[in-house]
N, C-alpha and C. Protein backbone atom coordinates (compact mmCIF):
# COMPACT_ATOMS: atom_id res chain seq x y z
N MET A 1 -55.01 75.43 28.31
CA MET A 1 -56.45 75.32 28.07
C MET A 1 -56.82 73.95 27.51
N LYS A 2 -55.99 73.40 26.60
CA LYS A 2 -56.32 72.12 25.98
C LYS A 2 -56.40 70.99 26.99
N PRO A 3 -55.44 70.85 27.96
CA PRO A 3 -55.58 69.79 28.99
C PRO A 3 -56.87 69.95 29.79
N PHE A 4 -57.28 71.20 30.04
CA PHE A 4 -58.52 71.42 30.79
C PHE A 4 -59.72 70.91 30.00
N ILE A 5 -59.75 71.21 28.70
CA ILE A 5 -60.87 70.77 27.86
C ILE A 5 -60.90 69.25 27.77
N THR A 6 -59.73 68.64 27.65
CA THR A 6 -59.66 67.19 27.48
C THR A 6 -60.00 66.44 28.76
N ASN A 7 -59.53 66.96 29.90
CA ASN A 7 -59.62 66.19 31.14
C ASN A 7 -60.65 66.69 32.15
N PHE A 8 -60.98 67.97 32.11
CA PHE A 8 -61.80 68.52 33.20
C PHE A 8 -63.10 69.18 32.75
N LEU A 9 -63.25 69.44 31.45
CA LEU A 9 -64.49 70.07 30.99
C LEU A 9 -65.67 69.12 31.13
N GLU A 10 -65.41 67.84 30.98
CA GLU A 10 -66.49 66.84 31.09
C GLU A 10 -67.09 66.81 32.51
N PRO A 11 -66.28 66.62 33.57
CA PRO A 11 -66.88 66.65 34.91
C PRO A 11 -67.50 67.99 35.26
N LEU A 12 -66.95 69.09 34.73
CA LEU A 12 -67.54 70.40 34.97
C LEU A 12 -68.94 70.48 34.37
N SER A 13 -69.11 69.91 33.19
CA SER A 13 -70.43 69.91 32.54
C SER A 13 -71.45 69.15 33.38
N TYR A 14 -71.04 68.00 33.90
CA TYR A 14 -71.96 67.22 34.73
C TYR A 14 -72.24 67.92 36.06
N LEU A 15 -71.27 68.68 36.54
CA LEU A 15 -71.49 69.47 37.75
C LEU A 15 -72.56 70.53 37.51
N LEU A 16 -72.53 71.16 36.34
CA LEU A 16 -73.57 72.14 35.99
C LEU A 16 -74.94 71.49 35.94
N TYR A 17 -75.01 70.30 35.35
CA TYR A 17 -76.27 69.56 35.34
C TYR A 17 -76.72 69.21 36.76
N THR A 18 -75.76 68.90 37.62
CA THR A 18 -76.08 68.57 39.01
C THR A 18 -76.72 69.76 39.72
N PHE A 19 -76.12 70.94 39.57
CA PHE A 19 -76.68 72.15 40.18
C PHE A 19 -78.08 72.43 39.64
N LEU A 20 -78.25 72.25 38.33
CA LEU A 20 -79.54 72.53 37.71
C LEU A 20 -80.63 71.60 38.24
N THR A 21 -80.36 70.30 38.26
CA THR A 21 -81.37 69.35 38.73
C THR A 21 -81.61 69.48 40.23
N CYS A 22 -80.58 69.86 40.98
CA CYS A 22 -80.77 70.10 42.41
C CYS A 22 -81.71 71.28 42.61
N TYR A 23 -81.49 72.36 41.87
CA TYR A 23 -82.36 73.54 41.95
C TYR A 23 -83.78 73.19 41.54
N LYS A 24 -83.90 72.38 40.48
CA LYS A 24 -85.23 71.98 40.01
C LYS A 24 -85.94 71.13 41.06
N TYR A 25 -85.20 70.26 41.72
CA TYR A 25 -85.81 69.37 42.71
C TYR A 25 -86.32 70.14 43.93
N LEU A 26 -85.68 71.26 44.24
CA LEU A 26 -86.13 72.07 45.37
C LEU A 26 -87.52 72.65 45.14
N SER A 27 -87.87 72.85 43.88
CA SER A 27 -89.18 73.41 43.56
C SER A 27 -90.19 72.36 43.09
N VAL A 28 -89.68 71.31 42.45
CA VAL A 28 -90.56 70.24 41.95
C VAL A 28 -90.01 68.90 42.44
N LYS A 29 -90.51 68.44 43.55
CA LYS A 29 -89.97 67.24 44.19
C LYS A 29 -90.61 65.98 43.61
N THR A 30 -90.27 65.68 42.35
CA THR A 30 -90.75 64.46 41.72
C THR A 30 -89.64 63.42 41.74
N PHE A 31 -90.04 62.16 41.65
CA PHE A 31 -89.05 61.08 41.65
C PHE A 31 -88.17 61.14 40.41
N LYS A 32 -88.75 61.56 39.30
CA LYS A 32 -88.00 61.68 38.04
C LYS A 32 -86.84 62.65 38.18
N ILE A 33 -87.10 63.82 38.77
CA ILE A 33 -86.04 64.82 38.95
C ILE A 33 -85.02 64.34 39.98
N LYS A 34 -85.51 63.62 40.98
CA LYS A 34 -84.61 63.08 42.00
C LYS A 34 -83.63 62.09 41.39
N VAL A 35 -84.13 61.25 40.48
CA VAL A 35 -83.26 60.29 39.79
C VAL A 35 -82.23 61.01 38.94
N LEU A 36 -82.64 62.05 38.22
CA LEU A 36 -81.71 62.82 37.39
C LEU A 36 -80.64 63.49 38.24
N PHE A 37 -81.06 64.06 39.37
CA PHE A 37 -80.08 64.70 40.26
C PHE A 37 -79.06 63.69 40.77
N ALA A 38 -79.53 62.52 41.22
CA ALA A 38 -78.62 61.49 41.71
C ALA A 38 -77.68 61.02 40.61
N TYR A 39 -78.21 60.90 39.39
CA TYR A 39 -77.38 60.48 38.25
C TYR A 39 -76.28 61.49 37.96
N TYR A 40 -76.63 62.75 37.89
CA TYR A 40 -75.63 63.77 37.56
C TYR A 40 -74.61 63.95 38.68
N LEU A 41 -75.05 63.81 39.91
CA LEU A 41 -74.11 63.89 41.03
C LEU A 41 -73.11 62.74 40.96
N PHE A 42 -73.62 61.54 40.73
CA PHE A 42 -72.74 60.37 40.62
C PHE A 42 -71.83 60.50 39.40
N ALA A 43 -72.37 61.01 38.29
CA ALA A 43 -71.58 61.20 37.08
C ALA A 43 -70.43 62.17 37.32
N THR A 44 -70.71 63.25 38.04
CA THR A 44 -69.66 64.24 38.34
C THR A 44 -68.53 63.59 39.12
N LEU A 45 -68.87 62.81 40.14
CA LEU A 45 -67.86 62.16 40.97
C LEU A 45 -67.10 61.10 40.19
N LEU A 46 -67.84 60.31 39.41
CA LEU A 46 -67.23 59.21 38.66
C LEU A 46 -66.29 59.72 37.57
N ILE A 47 -66.74 60.71 36.80
CA ILE A 47 -65.91 61.23 35.72
C ILE A 47 -64.73 62.04 36.27
N SER A 48 -64.93 62.68 37.40
CA SER A 48 -63.81 63.37 38.06
C SER A 48 -62.73 62.37 38.45
N TYR A 49 -63.16 61.22 38.96
CA TYR A 49 -62.20 60.17 39.31
C TYR A 49 -61.50 59.63 38.07
N ALA A 50 -62.25 59.50 36.97
CA ALA A 50 -61.65 59.04 35.71
C ALA A 50 -60.57 60.01 35.25
N SER A 51 -60.84 61.31 35.37
CA SER A 51 -59.85 62.32 34.99
C SER A 51 -58.64 62.27 35.91
N PHE A 52 -58.88 62.01 37.19
CA PHE A 52 -57.79 61.91 38.16
C PHE A 52 -56.87 60.73 37.82
N LEU A 53 -57.46 59.60 37.46
CA LEU A 53 -56.65 58.43 37.13
C LEU A 53 -55.73 58.69 35.94
N VAL A 54 -56.24 59.44 34.95
CA VAL A 54 -55.45 59.71 33.75
C VAL A 54 -54.37 60.76 34.01
N THR A 55 -54.74 61.86 34.66
CA THR A 55 -53.82 62.98 34.82
C THR A 55 -52.81 62.79 35.95
N GLU A 56 -53.24 62.17 37.05
CA GLU A 56 -52.36 62.04 38.22
C GLU A 56 -51.70 60.68 38.33
N ARG A 57 -52.38 59.64 37.92
CA ARG A 57 -51.84 58.28 38.07
C ARG A 57 -51.43 57.66 36.75
N ASN A 58 -51.81 58.27 35.64
CA ASN A 58 -51.55 57.72 34.31
C ASN A 58 -52.05 56.27 34.20
N MET A 59 -53.26 56.06 34.71
CA MET A 59 -53.85 54.72 34.74
C MET A 59 -55.03 54.65 33.78
N ASP A 60 -55.35 53.43 33.39
CA ASP A 60 -56.46 53.17 32.48
C ASP A 60 -57.79 53.45 33.20
N ASN A 61 -58.71 54.12 32.49
CA ASN A 61 -60.02 54.40 33.09
C ASN A 61 -61.17 53.84 32.24
N ASN A 62 -60.88 52.87 31.39
CA ASN A 62 -61.92 52.31 30.51
C ASN A 62 -63.09 51.74 31.30
N TRP A 63 -62.78 51.08 32.41
CA TRP A 63 -63.84 50.45 33.19
C TRP A 63 -64.83 51.48 33.74
N ILE A 64 -64.33 52.68 34.03
CA ILE A 64 -65.21 53.73 34.55
C ILE A 64 -66.22 54.14 33.49
N TYR A 65 -65.77 54.29 32.25
CA TYR A 65 -66.69 54.69 31.18
C TYR A 65 -67.62 53.54 30.79
N ASN A 66 -67.16 52.30 30.90
CA ASN A 66 -68.06 51.17 30.67
C ASN A 66 -69.20 51.18 31.69
N LEU A 67 -68.84 51.42 32.94
CA LEU A 67 -69.86 51.52 34.00
C LEU A 67 -70.75 52.73 33.79
N PHE A 68 -70.15 53.85 33.42
CA PHE A 68 -70.89 55.10 33.28
C PHE A 68 -71.93 55.03 32.16
N PHE A 69 -71.56 54.49 31.02
CA PHE A 69 -72.51 54.44 29.91
C PHE A 69 -73.59 53.40 30.14
N PHE A 70 -73.29 52.35 30.89
CA PHE A 70 -74.36 51.42 31.27
C PHE A 70 -75.35 52.12 32.19
N LEU A 71 -74.84 52.88 33.14
CA LEU A 71 -75.71 53.66 34.03
C LEU A 71 -76.50 54.69 33.23
N THR A 72 -75.87 55.31 32.25
CA THR A 72 -76.53 56.33 31.42
C THR A 72 -77.73 55.76 30.69
N ILE A 73 -77.58 54.61 30.04
CA ILE A 73 -78.71 54.06 29.29
C ILE A 73 -79.82 53.62 30.24
N CYS A 74 -79.46 53.18 31.43
CA CYS A 74 -80.48 52.80 32.42
C CYS A 74 -81.30 54.01 32.85
N VAL A 75 -80.61 55.09 33.22
CA VAL A 75 -81.29 56.29 33.72
C VAL A 75 -82.11 56.95 32.62
N PHE A 76 -81.54 57.11 31.43
CA PHE A 76 -82.25 57.79 30.36
C PHE A 76 -83.42 56.96 29.84
N SER A 77 -83.28 55.63 29.86
CA SER A 77 -84.40 54.79 29.46
C SER A 77 -85.56 54.98 30.44
N TYR A 78 -85.24 55.02 31.73
CA TYR A 78 -86.29 55.27 32.73
C TYR A 78 -86.91 56.65 32.52
N TYR A 79 -86.06 57.66 32.31
CA TYR A 79 -86.54 59.04 32.18
C TYR A 79 -87.49 59.19 30.99
N PHE A 80 -87.07 58.70 29.83
CA PHE A 80 -87.92 58.84 28.64
C PHE A 80 -89.16 57.96 28.73
N HIS A 81 -89.03 56.80 29.34
CA HIS A 81 -90.20 55.94 29.52
C HIS A 81 -91.25 56.64 30.38
N SER A 82 -90.81 57.49 31.30
CA SER A 82 -91.75 58.18 32.20
C SER A 82 -92.41 59.40 31.55
N ILE A 83 -91.81 59.96 30.50
CA ILE A 83 -92.39 61.17 29.90
C ILE A 83 -93.04 60.92 28.54
N LEU A 84 -92.81 59.75 27.96
CA LEU A 84 -93.43 59.44 26.67
C LEU A 84 -94.80 58.82 26.89
N PHE A 85 -95.74 59.17 26.00
CA PHE A 85 -97.09 58.64 26.06
C PHE A 85 -97.27 57.54 25.01
N GLY A 86 -98.18 56.64 25.28
CA GLY A 86 -98.52 55.62 24.28
C GLY A 86 -97.70 54.35 24.46
N LYS A 87 -98.35 53.21 24.22
CA LYS A 87 -97.69 51.92 24.41
C LYS A 87 -96.56 51.71 23.41
N THR A 88 -96.74 52.16 22.18
CA THR A 88 -95.72 51.92 21.15
C THR A 88 -94.40 52.59 21.52
N LYS A 89 -94.47 53.85 21.94
CA LYS A 89 -93.25 54.56 22.32
C LYS A 89 -92.59 53.90 23.52
N LYS A 90 -93.38 53.53 24.50
CA LYS A 90 -92.83 52.91 25.71
C LYS A 90 -92.22 51.54 25.39
N TYR A 91 -92.87 50.78 24.50
CA TYR A 91 -92.33 49.48 24.10
C TYR A 91 -91.00 49.65 23.35
N LEU A 92 -90.90 50.70 22.54
CA LEU A 92 -89.66 50.95 21.81
C LEU A 92 -88.53 51.29 22.77
N VAL A 93 -88.84 52.09 23.79
CA VAL A 93 -87.83 52.41 24.82
C VAL A 93 -87.37 51.13 25.51
N LYS A 94 -88.30 50.27 25.88
CA LYS A 94 -87.95 49.00 26.54
C LYS A 94 -87.12 48.12 25.61
N PHE A 95 -87.49 48.09 24.33
CA PHE A 95 -86.79 47.26 23.35
C PHE A 95 -85.33 47.71 23.21
N LEU A 96 -85.12 49.02 23.04
CA LEU A 96 -83.75 49.54 22.89
C LEU A 96 -82.95 49.35 24.19
N PHE A 97 -83.62 49.50 25.31
CA PHE A 97 -82.95 49.29 26.60
C PHE A 97 -82.47 47.84 26.72
N ILE A 98 -83.31 46.89 26.34
CA ILE A 98 -82.94 45.47 26.42
C ILE A 98 -81.76 45.17 25.50
N ILE A 99 -81.75 45.76 24.30
CA ILE A 99 -80.61 45.56 23.39
C ILE A 99 -79.33 46.11 24.00
N ASN A 100 -79.40 47.30 24.59
CA ASN A 100 -78.22 47.89 25.24
C ASN A 100 -77.71 47.01 26.38
N VAL A 101 -78.62 46.50 27.18
CA VAL A 101 -78.23 45.60 28.27
C VAL A 101 -77.60 44.33 27.70
N GLY A 102 -78.16 43.85 26.59
CA GLY A 102 -77.61 42.67 25.93
C GLY A 102 -76.18 42.90 25.44
N PHE A 103 -75.94 44.06 24.82
CA PHE A 103 -74.59 44.39 24.38
C PHE A 103 -73.62 44.46 25.55
N PHE A 104 -74.06 45.12 26.63
CA PHE A 104 -73.21 45.25 27.81
C PHE A 104 -72.89 43.87 28.39
N THR A 105 -73.90 43.02 28.48
CA THR A 105 -73.70 41.69 29.04
C THR A 105 -72.75 40.86 28.18
N TYR A 106 -72.94 40.95 26.85
CA TYR A 106 -72.12 40.13 25.95
C TYR A 106 -70.66 40.58 25.96
N TYR A 107 -70.43 41.89 25.74
CA TYR A 107 -69.07 42.38 25.60
C TYR A 107 -68.35 42.54 26.94
N ASP A 108 -69.02 43.13 27.91
CA ASP A 108 -68.34 43.46 29.16
C ASP A 108 -68.33 42.32 30.17
N VAL A 109 -69.35 41.44 30.10
CA VAL A 109 -69.42 40.35 31.07
C VAL A 109 -68.92 39.04 30.46
N LEU A 110 -69.57 38.60 29.38
CA LEU A 110 -69.21 37.31 28.79
C LEU A 110 -67.83 37.34 28.15
N LEU A 111 -67.53 38.42 27.40
CA LEU A 111 -66.20 38.53 26.78
C LEU A 111 -65.18 39.18 27.71
N LYS A 112 -65.61 39.57 28.88
CA LYS A 112 -64.74 40.11 29.94
C LYS A 112 -63.95 41.34 29.47
N GLN A 113 -64.64 42.25 28.77
CA GLN A 113 -63.99 43.46 28.29
C GLN A 113 -64.19 44.66 29.23
N PHE A 114 -64.89 44.44 30.33
CA PHE A 114 -65.24 45.55 31.22
C PHE A 114 -64.01 46.33 31.68
N PHE A 115 -62.97 45.63 32.08
CA PHE A 115 -61.76 46.29 32.59
C PHE A 115 -60.69 46.48 31.52
N GLU A 116 -60.94 45.96 30.31
CA GLU A 116 -59.88 45.91 29.32
C GLU A 116 -59.97 46.96 28.22
N THR A 117 -61.17 47.22 27.71
CA THR A 117 -61.25 48.06 26.52
C THR A 117 -62.48 48.95 26.53
N TYR A 118 -62.41 49.98 25.72
CA TYR A 118 -63.50 50.95 25.52
C TYR A 118 -64.14 50.61 24.19
N ASN A 119 -65.31 49.94 24.22
CA ASN A 119 -65.95 49.48 23.00
C ASN A 119 -66.79 50.60 22.41
N ASN A 120 -66.26 51.26 21.37
CA ASN A 120 -66.94 52.44 20.83
C ASN A 120 -68.26 52.10 20.14
N HIS A 121 -68.39 50.88 19.62
CA HIS A 121 -69.64 50.51 18.95
C HIS A 121 -70.78 50.33 19.95
N VAL A 122 -70.47 49.81 21.13
CA VAL A 122 -71.48 49.68 22.18
C VAL A 122 -71.94 51.06 22.63
N PHE A 123 -70.98 51.97 22.82
CA PHE A 123 -71.33 53.32 23.24
C PHE A 123 -72.09 54.06 22.15
N ALA A 124 -71.70 53.83 20.90
CA ALA A 124 -72.39 54.48 19.79
C ALA A 124 -73.86 54.06 19.74
N PHE A 125 -74.13 52.79 20.00
CA PHE A 125 -75.52 52.33 20.01
C PHE A 125 -76.28 52.94 21.19
N CYS A 126 -75.59 53.10 22.32
CA CYS A 126 -76.19 53.78 23.47
C CYS A 126 -76.57 55.20 23.10
N PHE A 127 -75.67 55.91 22.42
CA PHE A 127 -75.94 57.28 22.01
C PHE A 127 -77.09 57.33 21.01
N LEU A 128 -77.08 56.38 20.06
CA LEU A 128 -78.14 56.34 19.05
C LEU A 128 -79.50 56.08 19.71
N SER A 129 -79.52 55.24 20.71
CA SER A 129 -80.77 54.94 21.42
C SER A 129 -81.34 56.20 22.06
N ILE A 130 -80.48 57.00 22.67
CA ILE A 130 -80.95 58.22 23.33
C ILE A 130 -81.39 59.25 22.30
N VAL A 131 -80.76 59.26 21.13
CA VAL A 131 -81.22 60.12 20.02
C VAL A 131 -82.63 59.72 19.62
N VAL A 132 -82.88 58.42 19.50
CA VAL A 132 -84.22 57.94 19.15
C VAL A 132 -85.22 58.34 20.22
N TYR A 133 -84.85 58.19 21.49
CA TYR A 133 -85.72 58.62 22.59
C TYR A 133 -86.08 60.09 22.43
N SER A 134 -85.07 60.91 22.15
CA SER A 134 -85.28 62.35 22.04
C SER A 134 -86.20 62.69 20.87
N LEU A 135 -86.00 62.02 19.74
CA LEU A 135 -86.85 62.27 18.58
C LEU A 135 -88.29 61.83 18.85
N LEU A 136 -88.48 60.77 19.59
CA LEU A 136 -89.82 60.34 19.99
C LEU A 136 -90.49 61.41 20.84
N TYR A 137 -89.72 62.04 21.71
CA TYR A 137 -90.26 63.11 22.55
C TYR A 137 -90.71 64.30 21.71
N PHE A 138 -89.86 64.72 20.75
CA PHE A 138 -90.22 65.87 19.91
C PHE A 138 -91.39 65.53 18.98
N TYR A 139 -91.44 64.29 18.53
CA TYR A 139 -92.59 63.86 17.73
C TYR A 139 -93.86 63.93 18.56
N GLN A 140 -93.75 63.54 19.81
CA GLN A 140 -94.89 63.62 20.73
C GLN A 140 -95.35 65.06 20.92
N LEU A 141 -94.41 65.99 21.01
CA LEU A 141 -94.76 67.41 21.15
C LEU A 141 -95.52 67.90 19.92
N ILE A 142 -95.04 67.50 18.74
CA ILE A 142 -95.68 67.95 17.51
C ILE A 142 -97.10 67.39 17.38
N ARG A 143 -97.27 66.12 17.77
CA ARG A 143 -98.57 65.48 17.64
C ARG A 143 -99.57 65.95 18.70
N ASN A 144 -99.08 66.52 19.79
CA ASN A 144 -99.95 66.93 20.88
C ASN A 144 -99.77 68.42 21.16
N VAL A 145 -100.02 69.23 20.14
CA VAL A 145 -99.88 70.68 20.27
C VAL A 145 -100.97 71.21 21.20
N SER A 146 -100.57 72.06 22.14
CA SER A 146 -101.53 72.67 23.06
C SER A 146 -101.20 74.15 23.21
N GLU A 147 -101.99 74.82 24.02
CA GLU A 147 -101.76 76.24 24.25
C GLU A 147 -100.57 76.49 25.17
N LEU A 148 -100.10 75.43 25.83
CA LEU A 148 -98.95 75.57 26.71
C LEU A 148 -97.68 75.79 25.90
N ASN A 149 -96.93 76.82 26.23
CA ASN A 149 -95.69 77.14 25.53
C ASN A 149 -94.61 76.13 25.93
N ILE A 150 -94.10 75.37 24.95
CA ILE A 150 -93.10 74.36 25.28
C ILE A 150 -91.79 74.96 25.79
N LEU A 151 -91.59 76.25 25.51
CA LEU A 151 -90.37 76.91 26.00
C LEU A 151 -90.37 77.06 27.51
N TYR A 152 -91.53 76.84 28.14
CA TYR A 152 -91.62 76.89 29.59
C TYR A 152 -91.45 75.50 30.22
N GLU A 153 -91.13 74.52 29.40
CA GLU A 153 -91.03 73.15 29.88
C GLU A 153 -89.57 72.78 30.17
N PHE A 154 -89.31 72.29 31.37
CA PHE A 154 -87.98 71.84 31.76
C PHE A 154 -87.50 70.71 30.84
N ASP A 155 -88.39 69.75 30.57
CA ASP A 155 -88.02 68.60 29.74
C ASP A 155 -87.58 69.04 28.34
N PHE A 156 -88.23 70.07 27.79
CA PHE A 156 -87.90 70.53 26.44
C PHE A 156 -86.44 70.98 26.36
N TRP A 157 -86.00 71.78 27.31
CA TRP A 157 -84.63 72.29 27.29
C TRP A 157 -83.62 71.19 27.59
N LEU A 158 -83.98 70.32 28.53
CA LEU A 158 -83.07 69.22 28.87
C LEU A 158 -82.86 68.30 27.67
N ILE A 159 -83.94 67.94 26.99
CA ILE A 159 -83.85 67.02 25.87
C ILE A 159 -83.24 67.69 24.64
N SER A 160 -83.43 68.99 24.49
CA SER A 160 -82.76 69.72 23.40
C SER A 160 -81.25 69.61 23.56
N GLY A 161 -80.77 69.76 24.79
CA GLY A 161 -79.35 69.59 25.06
C GLY A 161 -78.90 68.17 24.81
N TYR A 162 -79.74 67.19 25.21
CA TYR A 162 -79.43 65.79 24.96
C TYR A 162 -79.26 65.52 23.47
N LEU A 163 -80.20 66.02 22.68
CA LEU A 163 -80.18 65.74 21.24
C LEU A 163 -78.91 66.31 20.60
N LEU A 164 -78.54 67.51 20.99
CA LEU A 164 -77.30 68.10 20.47
C LEU A 164 -76.10 67.23 20.80
N TYR A 165 -76.00 66.81 22.04
CA TYR A 165 -74.83 66.05 22.48
C TYR A 165 -74.78 64.64 21.89
N PHE A 166 -75.86 63.89 22.05
CA PHE A 166 -75.82 62.49 21.66
C PHE A 166 -75.84 62.29 20.15
N LEU A 167 -76.51 63.18 19.42
CA LEU A 167 -76.50 63.06 17.96
C LEU A 167 -75.12 63.40 17.41
N SER A 168 -74.52 64.48 17.92
CA SER A 168 -73.19 64.86 17.46
C SER A 168 -72.15 63.80 17.82
N CYS A 169 -72.23 63.32 19.06
CA CYS A 169 -71.20 62.40 19.55
C CYS A 169 -71.40 60.98 19.06
N PHE A 170 -72.57 60.67 18.52
CA PHE A 170 -72.77 59.34 17.91
C PHE A 170 -71.75 59.14 16.79
N PHE A 171 -71.57 60.15 15.95
CA PHE A 171 -70.61 60.05 14.85
C PHE A 171 -69.17 60.15 15.36
N ILE A 172 -68.97 60.96 16.40
CA ILE A 172 -67.63 61.11 16.97
C ILE A 172 -67.15 59.80 17.57
N ILE A 173 -68.04 59.11 18.29
CA ILE A 173 -67.68 57.85 18.93
C ILE A 173 -67.30 56.79 17.89
N LEU A 174 -68.00 56.77 16.75
CA LEU A 174 -67.68 55.80 15.71
C LEU A 174 -66.27 56.00 15.18
N VAL A 175 -65.87 57.26 15.04
CA VAL A 175 -64.53 57.57 14.53
C VAL A 175 -63.47 57.29 15.59
N TYR A 176 -63.82 57.49 16.85
CA TYR A 176 -62.86 57.40 17.96
C TYR A 176 -62.13 56.06 18.00
N GLY A 177 -62.86 54.98 17.78
CA GLY A 177 -62.25 53.65 17.89
C GLY A 177 -61.20 53.37 16.83
N HIS A 178 -61.21 54.12 15.72
CA HIS A 178 -60.27 53.87 14.62
C HIS A 178 -59.19 54.96 14.52
N ALA A 179 -59.18 55.88 15.49
CA ALA A 179 -58.24 57.00 15.44
C ALA A 179 -56.97 56.69 16.23
N GLY A 180 -55.90 57.42 15.88
CA GLY A 180 -54.66 57.29 16.63
C GLY A 180 -54.74 58.06 17.93
N ILE A 181 -53.69 57.96 18.75
CA ILE A 181 -53.71 58.58 20.08
C ILE A 181 -53.87 60.09 19.99
N GLY A 182 -53.12 60.73 19.08
CA GLY A 182 -53.21 62.19 18.95
C GLY A 182 -54.59 62.65 18.53
N LEU A 183 -55.15 61.96 17.54
CA LEU A 183 -56.49 62.32 17.06
C LEU A 183 -57.55 62.02 18.11
N ARG A 184 -57.34 60.98 18.89
CA ARG A 184 -58.30 60.64 19.95
C ARG A 184 -58.44 61.78 20.96
N ARG A 185 -57.33 62.42 21.27
CA ARG A 185 -57.38 63.54 22.22
C ARG A 185 -58.20 64.69 21.65
N VAL A 186 -58.02 64.95 20.37
CA VAL A 186 -58.80 66.01 19.71
C VAL A 186 -60.28 65.65 19.72
N ILE A 187 -60.58 64.40 19.38
CA ILE A 187 -61.97 63.94 19.33
C ILE A 187 -62.60 64.02 20.72
N TRP A 188 -61.85 63.60 21.73
CA TRP A 188 -62.38 63.64 23.10
C TRP A 188 -62.63 65.08 23.55
N ALA A 189 -61.72 65.98 23.17
CA ALA A 189 -61.91 67.39 23.52
C ALA A 189 -63.15 67.95 22.83
N LEU A 190 -63.36 67.59 21.56
CA LEU A 190 -64.54 68.04 20.84
C LEU A 190 -65.81 67.52 21.49
N GLN A 191 -65.79 66.27 21.91
CA GLN A 191 -66.95 65.69 22.58
C GLN A 191 -67.25 66.43 23.88
N ASN A 192 -66.22 66.77 24.63
CA ASN A 192 -66.41 67.50 25.89
C ASN A 192 -66.96 68.90 25.65
N ILE A 193 -66.52 69.54 24.58
CA ILE A 193 -67.04 70.87 24.25
C ILE A 193 -68.53 70.80 23.92
N ILE A 194 -68.92 69.79 23.17
CA ILE A 194 -70.34 69.63 22.83
C ILE A 194 -71.16 69.35 24.09
N LEU A 195 -70.63 68.52 24.98
CA LEU A 195 -71.32 68.24 26.25
C LEU A 195 -71.49 69.52 27.06
N PHE A 196 -70.45 70.34 27.11
CA PHE A 196 -70.54 71.61 27.84
C PHE A 196 -71.59 72.52 27.21
N LEU A 197 -71.62 72.58 25.88
CA LEU A 197 -72.61 73.41 25.20
C LEU A 197 -74.03 72.92 25.50
N SER A 198 -74.20 71.60 25.58
CA SER A 198 -75.53 71.06 25.88
C SER A 198 -75.96 71.44 27.28
N SER A 199 -75.03 71.44 28.23
CA SER A 199 -75.36 71.85 29.60
C SER A 199 -75.69 73.33 29.65
N VAL A 200 -74.97 74.14 28.87
CA VAL A 200 -75.23 75.58 28.83
C VAL A 200 -76.61 75.85 28.22
N ILE A 201 -76.96 75.11 27.17
CA ILE A 201 -78.29 75.26 26.56
C ILE A 201 -79.38 74.97 27.57
N THR A 202 -79.23 73.88 28.31
CA THR A 202 -80.24 73.49 29.29
C THR A 202 -80.36 74.52 30.40
N ILE A 203 -79.23 74.99 30.91
CA ILE A 203 -79.25 75.98 31.99
C ILE A 203 -79.82 77.30 31.48
N THR A 204 -79.42 77.73 30.28
CA THR A 204 -79.92 78.97 29.71
C THR A 204 -81.43 78.92 29.53
N GLY A 205 -81.92 77.79 29.03
CA GLY A 205 -83.36 77.63 28.86
C GLY A 205 -84.12 77.73 30.16
N ASN A 206 -83.58 77.13 31.22
CA ASN A 206 -84.26 77.17 32.51
C ASN A 206 -84.15 78.54 33.18
N LEU A 207 -83.06 79.25 32.94
CA LEU A 207 -82.97 80.64 33.42
C LEU A 207 -84.00 81.50 32.70
N TRP A 208 -84.20 81.24 31.42
CA TRP A 208 -85.22 81.95 30.64
C TRP A 208 -86.61 81.68 31.21
N ILE A 209 -86.87 80.42 31.56
CA ILE A 209 -88.15 80.06 32.15
C ILE A 209 -88.39 80.82 33.45
N ASN A 210 -87.40 80.81 34.33
CA ASN A 210 -87.52 81.48 35.62
C ASN A 210 -87.72 82.98 35.46
N TYR A 211 -87.00 83.57 34.53
CA TYR A 211 -87.11 85.03 34.30
C TYR A 211 -88.50 85.40 33.83
N HIS A 212 -89.02 84.66 32.87
CA HIS A 212 -90.33 85.01 32.31
C HIS A 212 -91.46 84.72 33.30
N ARG A 213 -91.32 83.68 34.10
CA ARG A 213 -92.37 83.40 35.08
C ARG A 213 -92.42 84.47 36.16
N LYS A 214 -91.29 85.04 36.49
CA LYS A 214 -91.27 86.11 37.49
C LYS A 214 -91.79 87.43 36.96
N HIS A 215 -91.79 87.58 35.61
CA HIS A 215 -92.21 88.85 35.03
C HIS A 215 -93.54 88.75 34.28
N LEU A 216 -94.26 87.66 34.50
CA LEU A 216 -95.57 87.53 33.90
C LEU A 216 -96.60 88.40 34.65
């Protein structure tokens, strides 16, 4: 069970997100959902390949995660920029996105660490940025209370899962860079479990939405 959690639970979680966004796109054909579906599909394939390199080839996969987290901040910055209201919130999203791109450019391009190392501080800032995005969304919900039940909102369940994962793993990532090999495996397994729980939360919330809409 432990090798499965360490190596395969992560791509499985992204596969669940892929099915969810695909199902959502069939009913709501917006560009935002299309981007999320493409992201999760690519993430499933990319992380599956990363697991294959480690388990079957015993090869380094740092470059895959460097690419993946750069893609993650790009997609999530676009996603939150599209759902947040107000110039201040949108400017903050752009500001954090530019800083993330700057970190990626400096460490992975200028210092040529893209193929060499897994920079946990860069990833931690990526995670922190998405936590800030999520908190801005919930602040927006509080400030704009309406008669619409937020429990019927796809974005609410998706971002609730995001907040659980990225807030928890922000601290995990900081510890990861200073841990030994044995502890790193435990930390990685814990991160994968949290990711799986976030996908289950999102899917459960959307199943709840579908059930209640059919029985209204």
